[in-house]
Amino acid sequence: MIVCSSTECFPDLPKEEIAPLMVDLEFTSVELAIHEEGLSWVRPSEVLSNLEQALDECRNTSRLHAVALSIDQTVEGELYYEQFAACCKLAKALKVVPMIVPAAELGTPFNAEIERLQELVRIASLEGCQVALKTQIGCMTEDPDTAVVLCDHVKGLGLSLDPSHYIAGPHQGRDFSKVIPYVLHVHLRDAGKNDLHMRVGQGEVDYGRLITQLSNAGYKRALCVHVPSVVGIDHRAELRKMRLLLESLL
């Protein structure tokens, strides 16, 4: 396993400052946000319109090694799949495998979500990529049982596990170890039952146990620091603390 950080940790910084800051914090690998809205290294629409330029942008990371792409799109229909296919071509050029995508919101028909995920997995497989569905409050994956059912229904689908959403979410207290065999990527912060964002070490995420479970399942990919900036907390110190903690457990 390796420790990396997400560009989503720095929503208020200009893009050109993010990679040098990560290097200063002694990260060597990065997860790039390919989002249409908000902070984005490059937007899915830009990837589709000019793949070569998008590739140049994604290689401009101050020697940080890209290990995952987080994809968040706003379009629907055929254009949605065209943009995703372009992002998979980008990932292949970068030698990135995990494509992290959000799960459908609660209330979405189950069969419609299965059809969407099947098509995403099919497209990703053409470029040697794998789809990792985010475990997230407010989405179909907020329940670990449903997350497993989705993976069982869509051959090749995996999960991007953020345990804080199971600790602070509506299914808190339940054992979510059943999702471990499906994990393709991991997002880590600290959280408590009443707070999704807490200082590192003050929440209830058992990093040591989680890493042991992942290791026993054969997981050899990234542990991605995904710590947001919170008013009154030294963000850079929290990022450094999380990196040091994870590296000490590997």
Protein backbone atom coordinates (compact mmCIF):
# COMPACT_ATOMS: atom_id res chain seq x y z
CA MET A 1 0.00 0.00 0.00
CA ILE A 2 1.02 3.61 -0.55
CA VAL A 3 -0.16 6.88 0.98
CA CYS A 4 -1.40 9.64 -1.32
CA SER A 5 -3.46 12.81 -1.06
CA SER A 6 -6.40 14.12 -3.07
CA THR A 7 -6.41 17.47 -4.85
CA GLU A 8 -9.91 17.86 -3.33
CA CYS A 9 -8.22 18.63 -0.01
CA PHE A 10 -7.40 22.12 -1.31
CA PRO A 11 -10.60 23.67 -2.73
CA ASP A 12 -9.50 27.23 -1.92
CA LEU A 13 -6.02 27.12 -3.47
CA PRO A 14 -5.11 28.01 -7.06
CA LYS A 15 -4.35 24.82 -8.98
CA GLU A 16 -0.74 25.79 -9.58
CA GLU A 17 -0.10 25.87 -5.81
CA ILE A 18 -1.59 22.48 -4.95
CA ALA A 19 1.07 20.08 -6.24
CA PRO A 20 4.04 22.04 -4.78
CA LEU A 21 2.25 22.12 -1.41
CA MET A 22 1.72 18.35 -1.53
CA VAL A 23 5.42 17.91 -2.26
CA ASP A 24 6.25 20.16 0.72
CA LEU A 25 4.04 17.92 2.86
CA GLU A 26 6.12 14.99 1.56
CA PHE A 27 3.44 13.22 -0.42
CA THR A 28 4.69 11.37 -3.50
CA SER A 29 1.38 10.32 -5.05
CA VAL A 30 -1.88 12.09 -5.84
CA GLU A 31 -5.52 11.48 -6.68
CA LEU A 32 -6.64 13.98 -9.32
CA ALA A 33 -10.13 15.49 -9.27
CA ILE A 34 -11.66 15.46 -12.77
CA HIS A 35 -14.85 17.32 -11.85
CA GLU A 36 -17.09 19.51 -13.97
CA GLU A 37 -17.89 21.83 -11.05
CA GLY A 38 -15.78 23.21 -8.23
CA LEU A 39 -12.08 22.50 -7.88
CA SER A 40 -10.87 20.38 -10.77
CA TRP A 41 -7.49 19.54 -12.22
CA VAL A 42 -9.20 19.35 -15.60
CA ARG A 43 -12.93 19.07 -16.38
CA PRO A 44 -14.56 16.02 -18.04
CA SER A 45 -15.85 18.26 -20.84
CA GLU A 46 -12.28 19.46 -21.45
CA VAL A 47 -10.98 15.90 -21.50
CA LEU A 48 -13.50 15.02 -24.21
CA SER A 49 -12.81 18.12 -26.30
CA ASN A 50 -9.00 17.98 -26.10
CA LEU A 51 -7.50 14.80 -24.68
CA GLU A 52 -3.87 15.76 -25.39
CA GLN A 53 -4.16 19.07 -23.56
CA ALA A 54 -5.88 17.36 -20.63
CA LEU A 55 -3.06 14.82 -20.52
CA ASP A 56 -0.48 17.61 -20.39
CA GLU A 57 -2.39 19.22 -17.49
CA CYS A 58 -2.51 15.94 -15.58
CA ARG A 59 1.20 15.36 -16.04
CA ASN A 60 1.94 18.79 -14.58
CA THR A 61 2.00 17.62 -10.96
CA SER A 62 5.49 18.53 -9.72
CA ARG A 63 6.57 14.89 -10.14
CA LEU A 64 3.71 13.56 -8.02
CA HIS A 65 2.57 10.17 -9.34
CA ALA A 66 -1.14 10.00 -10.22
CA VAL A 67 -2.70 6.86 -8.72
CA ALA A 68 -6.45 7.50 -9.16
CA LEU A 69 -8.90 9.79 -10.94
CA SER A 70 -12.04 11.08 -9.23
CA ILE A 71 -14.70 11.64 -11.89
CA ASP A 72 -17.75 13.83 -11.29
CA GLN A 73 -19.91 14.81 -14.27
CA THR A 74 -22.99 17.01 -14.69
CA VAL A 75 -24.29 15.89 -18.09
CA GLU A 76 -26.71 13.05 -18.82
CA GLY A 77 -27.49 10.68 -21.66
CA GLU A 78 -24.98 9.64 -24.30
CA LEU A 79 -22.71 12.62 -23.60
CA TYR A 80 -22.24 11.33 -20.04
CA TYR A 81 -20.77 8.07 -21.34
CA GLU A 82 -18.71 9.85 -24.02
CA GLN A 83 -17.08 12.03 -21.37
CA PHE A 84 -16.44 9.03 -19.14
CA ALA A 85 -14.87 7.11 -22.02
CA ALA A 86 -12.54 10.06 -22.66
CA CYS A 87 -11.59 10.13 -18.97
CA CYS A 88 -10.76 6.41 -19.18
CA LYS A 89 -8.47 7.10 -22.13
CA LEU A 90 -6.82 9.79 -20.01
CA ALA A 91 -6.39 7.31 -17.16
CA LYS A 92 -4.82 4.73 -19.47
CA ALA A 93 -2.31 7.30 -20.73
CA LEU A 94 -1.46 8.15 -17.12
CA LYS A 95 -1.27 4.43 -16.21
CA VAL A 96 -4.06 4.92 -13.66
CA VAL A 97 -6.52 2.11 -12.92
CA PRO A 98 -9.12 3.26 -10.33
CA MET A 99 -11.87 5.53 -11.68
CA ILE A 100 -13.72 6.88 -8.64
CA VAL A 101 -17.35 7.79 -9.35
CA PRO A 102 -20.25 8.87 -7.11
CA ALA A 103 -23.11 6.47 -6.47
CA ALA A 104 -26.65 7.46 -7.39
CA GLU A 105 -28.59 9.46 -4.83
CA LEU A 106 -31.05 7.71 -2.53
CA GLY A 107 -34.38 7.21 -4.28
CA THR A 108 -32.83 6.32 -7.64
CA PRO A 109 -34.45 3.18 -9.11
CA PHE A 110 -32.19 0.21 -8.43
CA ASN A 111 -32.35 -1.14 -11.98
CA ALA A 112 -31.45 2.25 -13.45
CA GLU A 113 -28.35 2.43 -11.27
CA ILE A 114 -27.37 -1.12 -12.22
CA GLU A 115 -27.64 -0.25 -15.92
CA ARG A 116 -25.52 2.89 -15.46
CA LEU A 117 -22.84 1.04 -13.55
CA GLN A 118 -22.75 -1.85 -16.02
CA GLU A 119 -22.09 0.59 -18.84
CA LEU A 120 -19.40 2.43 -16.87
CA VAL A 121 -17.64 -0.84 -16.04
CA ARG A 122 -17.83 -1.93 -19.70
CA ILE A 123 -16.33 1.37 -20.91
CA ALA A 124 -13.60 1.35 -18.24
CA SER A 125 -12.61 -2.24 -19.04
CA LEU A 126 -11.82 -1.25 -22.64
CA GLU A 127 -8.96 0.92 -21.31
CA GLY A 128 -7.84 -1.42 -18.52
CA CYS A 129 -9.51 0.71 -15.81
CA GLN A 130 -11.78 -0.24 -12.91
CA VAL A 131 -14.79 1.64 -11.57
CA ALA A 132 -14.73 2.36 -7.82
CA LEU A 133 -18.07 3.53 -6.43
CA LYS A 134 -17.80 6.00 -3.53
CA THR A 135 -19.33 5.02 -0.19
CA GLN A 136 -21.15 8.22 0.69
CA ILE A 137 -23.93 9.52 2.92
CA GLY A 138 -27.04 10.39 0.93
CA CYS A 139 -26.24 7.89 -1.82
CA MET A 140 -27.17 4.25 -2.39
CA THR A 141 -23.81 3.18 -0.95
CA GLU A 142 -24.47 4.78 2.47
CA ASP A 143 -25.73 1.33 3.49
CA PRO A 144 -22.91 -1.25 3.32
CA ASP A 145 -25.40 -4.00 2.47
CA THR A 146 -26.62 -2.10 -0.59
CA ALA A 147 -23.04 -1.31 -1.61
CA VAL A 148 -22.25 -5.04 -1.62
CA VAL A 149 -25.44 -5.86 -3.55
CA LEU A 150 -24.50 -3.34 -6.25
CA CYS A 151 -21.06 -4.91 -6.62
CA ASP A 152 -22.54 -8.40 -6.76
CA HIS A 153 -24.94 -7.34 -9.53
CA VAL A 154 -22.28 -5.61 -11.64
CA LYS A 155 -19.34 -7.84 -12.42
CA GLY A 156 -16.07 -5.92 -12.12
CA LEU A 157 -17.49 -3.08 -10.02
CA GLY A 158 -15.62 -2.12 -6.85
CA LEU A 159 -15.83 0.47 -4.10
CA SER A 160 -13.92 3.54 -3.03
CA LEU A 161 -14.23 3.17 0.73
CA ASP A 162 -14.52 6.18 3.02
CA PRO A 163 -15.18 4.64 6.46
CA SER A 164 -16.11 8.01 7.97
CA HIS A 165 -19.42 7.90 6.06
CA TYR A 166 -20.26 4.63 7.81
CA ILE A 167 -19.21 5.97 11.21
CA ALA A 168 -21.12 9.28 10.99
CA GLY A 169 -23.91 8.19 8.65
CA PRO A 170 -27.39 6.80 9.34
CA HIS A 171 -26.05 3.23 9.48
CA GLN A 172 -23.44 4.04 12.13
CA GLY A 173 -22.53 1.27 14.51
CA ARG A 174 -22.99 -1.47 11.94
CA ASP A 175 -20.09 -3.64 10.89
CA PHE A 176 -19.01 -2.60 7.40
CA SER A 177 -16.24 -5.18 7.03
CA LYS A 178 -18.37 -6.93 4.37
CA VAL A 179 -17.36 -4.23 1.87
CA ILE A 180 -13.61 -4.85 2.30
CA PRO A 181 -13.29 -7.53 -0.43
CA TYR A 182 -14.72 -5.04 -2.97
CA VAL A 183 -12.43 -2.11 -2.15
CA LEU A 184 -10.41 -0.68 -5.06
CA HIS A 185 -9.51 2.65 -3.44
CA VAL A 186 -9.65 4.21 0.05
CA HIS A 187 -10.38 7.74 1.28
CA LEU A 188 -9.36 8.53 4.86
CA ARG A 189 -10.14 11.28 7.36
CA ASP A 190 -11.28 11.07 10.99
CA ALA A 191 -14.92 11.17 12.06
CA GLY A 192 -17.25 10.59 14.99
CA LYS A 193 -20.89 9.59 15.23
CA ASN A 194 -21.99 13.22 15.19
CA ASP A 195 -19.26 14.78 13.07
CA LEU A 196 -18.02 13.75 9.63
CA HIS A 197 -14.87 15.88 10.02
CA MET A 198 -12.72 15.71 13.16
CA ARG A 199 -9.09 16.28 14.09
CA VAL A 200 -6.92 13.30 13.24
CA GLY A 201 -6.86 10.97 16.24
CA GLN A 202 -9.94 12.42 17.95
CA GLY A 203 -12.52 10.45 15.97
CA GLU A 204 -13.49 6.79 15.79
CA VAL A 205 -11.74 5.60 12.63
CA ASP A 206 -9.60 2.59 13.59
CA TYR A 207 -6.86 2.98 10.99
CA GLY A 208 -4.79 0.05 12.23
CA ARG A 209 -7.71 -2.40 12.10
CA LEU A 210 -8.79 -1.11 8.69
CA ILE A 211 -5.30 -1.50 7.21
CA THR A 212 -5.06 -5.02 8.62
CA GLN A 213 -8.42 -5.93 7.06
CA LEU A 214 -7.38 -4.48 3.71
CA SER A 215 -4.05 -6.27 3.83
CA ASN A 216 -5.73 -9.59 4.63
CA ALA A 217 -7.99 -9.05 1.60
CA GLY A 218 -4.95 -8.52 -0.63
CA TYR A 219 -5.38 -4.77 -1.06
CA LYS A 220 -2.15 -3.22 -2.38
CA ARG A 221 -3.28 0.16 -3.65
CA ALA A 222 -3.52 3.69 -2.24
CA LEU A 223 -4.66 5.01 1.10
CA CYS A 224 -5.77 8.48 0.06
CA VAL A 225 -5.73 11.29 2.62
CA HIS A 226 -9.04 13.11 2.06
CA VAL A 227 -9.04 15.69 4.86
CA PRO A 228 -11.05 18.87 4.21
CA SER A 229 -10.12 22.30 5.49
CA VAL A 230 -12.07 23.15 8.66
CA VAL A 231 -12.22 26.61 10.25
CA GLY A 232 -10.05 26.83 13.36
CA ILE A 233 -7.93 23.77 12.53
CA ASP A 234 -4.44 23.90 11.01
CA HIS A 235 -5.17 22.11 7.75
CA ARG A 236 -1.58 21.51 6.71
CA ALA A 237 -0.71 20.11 10.12
CA GLU A 238 -3.67 17.72 9.89
CA LEU A 239 -2.58 16.52 6.44
CA ARG A 240 0.97 15.94 7.65
CA LYS A 241 -0.28 14.18 10.77
CA MET A 242 -2.48 11.87 8.74
CA ARG A 243 0.35 11.01 6.34
CA LEU A 244 2.73 10.21 9.19
CA LEU A 245 0.10 8.12 10.98
CA LEU A 246 -0.70 6.02 7.93
CA GLU A 247 2.93 5.54 6.98
CA SER A 248 3.70 4.38 10.53
CA LEU A 249 1.04 1.67 10.19
CA LEU A 250 2.30 0.29 6.88
